[in-house]
């Protein structure tokens, strides 16, 4: 049985995967960070048993060559029961 975990983040920001701990606990599948129904979607395949922590950083979504606010968001998820 293949188990997939989907994380949806606010599509009003640019999100980058920070880390997955422990390394190898989750594998990336599909188009990472793709916009789907206004959300930034990340899919992971569970690769080993135990828990995992996934972190993302988010920044402002700005138009090219326009002023853009400088801030960073942190999103952290703990996945249990793998």
Protein backbone atom coordinates (compact mmCIF):
# COMPACT_ATOMS: atom_id res chain seq x y z
CA UNK A 1 0.00 0.00 0.00
CA UNK A 2 1.40 3.37 -1.03
CA UNK A 3 0.46 6.21 1.33
CA UNK A 4 0.51 9.80 0.06
CA UNK A 5 0.42 12.89 2.29
CA UNK A 6 -0.74 16.15 0.70
CA UNK A 7 0.12 19.53 2.23
CA UNK A 8 -1.76 22.60 0.99
CA UNK A 9 -0.36 26.06 1.63
CA UNK A 10 -1.79 29.52 0.97
CA UNK A 11 -1.46 30.25 -2.76
CA UNK A 12 -0.95 33.97 -2.04
CA UNK A 13 2.72 33.32 -1.17
CA UNK A 14 5.73 31.68 -2.80
CA UNK A 15 6.55 28.53 -0.79
CA UNK A 16 9.83 26.59 -0.76
CA UNK A 17 10.45 23.28 0.91
CA UNK A 18 12.78 23.79 3.84
CA UNK A 19 13.44 20.32 5.20
CA UNK A 20 12.09 16.84 5.83
CA UNK A 21 13.31 15.14 9.00
CA UNK A 22 14.37 12.47 9.34
CA UNK A 23 15.96 12.47 5.91
CA UNK A 24 14.32 9.84 3.71
CA UNK A 25 11.08 9.63 5.73
CA UNK A 26 9.08 11.13 2.87
CA UNK A 27 9.66 11.12 -0.89
CA UNK A 28 8.47 13.90 -3.20
CA UNK A 29 5.83 12.88 -5.74
CA UNK A 30 4.03 14.86 -8.44
CA UNK A 31 4.46 18.52 -9.27
CA UNK A 32 5.75 20.16 -6.10
CA UNK A 33 4.39 23.57 -5.22
CA UNK A 34 1.84 23.51 -8.04
CA UNK A 35 -1.14 25.84 -7.76
CA UNK A 36 -4.36 23.88 -7.42
CA UNK A 37 -7.68 25.57 -6.60
CA UNK A 38 -5.78 28.59 -5.24
CA UNK A 39 -3.51 26.53 -2.98
CA UNK A 40 0.17 25.67 -3.28
CA UNK A 41 0.14 21.84 -3.18
CA UNK A 42 2.96 19.51 -2.11
CA UNK A 43 2.60 15.71 -2.23
CA UNK A 44 4.83 13.26 -0.38
CA UNK A 45 4.99 9.47 -0.43
CA UNK A 46 5.63 7.88 2.94
CA UNK A 47 8.97 6.09 2.60
CA UNK A 48 9.54 4.74 6.13
CA UNK A 49 7.67 4.15 9.37
CA UNK A 50 7.68 6.59 12.27
CA UNK A 51 6.99 10.31 12.34
CA UNK A 52 8.30 13.06 10.12
CA UNK A 53 8.53 16.85 10.29
CA UNK A 54 8.24 18.96 7.15
CA UNK A 55 9.05 22.68 7.05
CA UNK A 56 8.42 25.34 4.40
CA UNK A 57 9.36 28.99 4.06
CA UNK A 58 7.03 31.46 2.38
CA UNK A 59 7.69 34.87 0.86
CA UNK A 60 5.55 37.52 -0.80
CA UNK A 61 4.09 36.78 -4.21
CA UNK A 62 5.00 39.87 -6.25
CA UNK A 63 4.84 41.05 -9.82
CA UNK A 64 8.16 41.29 -11.71
CA UNK A 65 9.87 44.70 -11.53
CA UNK A 66 7.46 45.94 -8.82
CA UNK A 67 8.14 46.84 -5.20
CA UNK A 68 7.72 43.84 -2.97
CA UNK A 69 7.45 43.55 0.83
CA UNK A 70 10.31 41.66 2.47
CA UNK A 71 9.11 39.10 4.99
CA UNK A 72 9.31 35.36 5.56
CA UNK A 73 6.76 32.87 6.87
CA UNK A 74 7.53 29.51 8.42
CA UNK A 75 5.14 26.57 8.15
CA UNK A 76 5.95 23.37 10.01
CA UNK A 77 4.00 20.10 9.93
CA UNK A 78 4.46 16.97 12.02
CA UNK A 79 3.15 13.79 10.41
CA UNK A 80 2.49 10.99 12.89
CA UNK A 81 1.43 7.40 12.53
CA UNK A 82 3.41 6.49 9.47
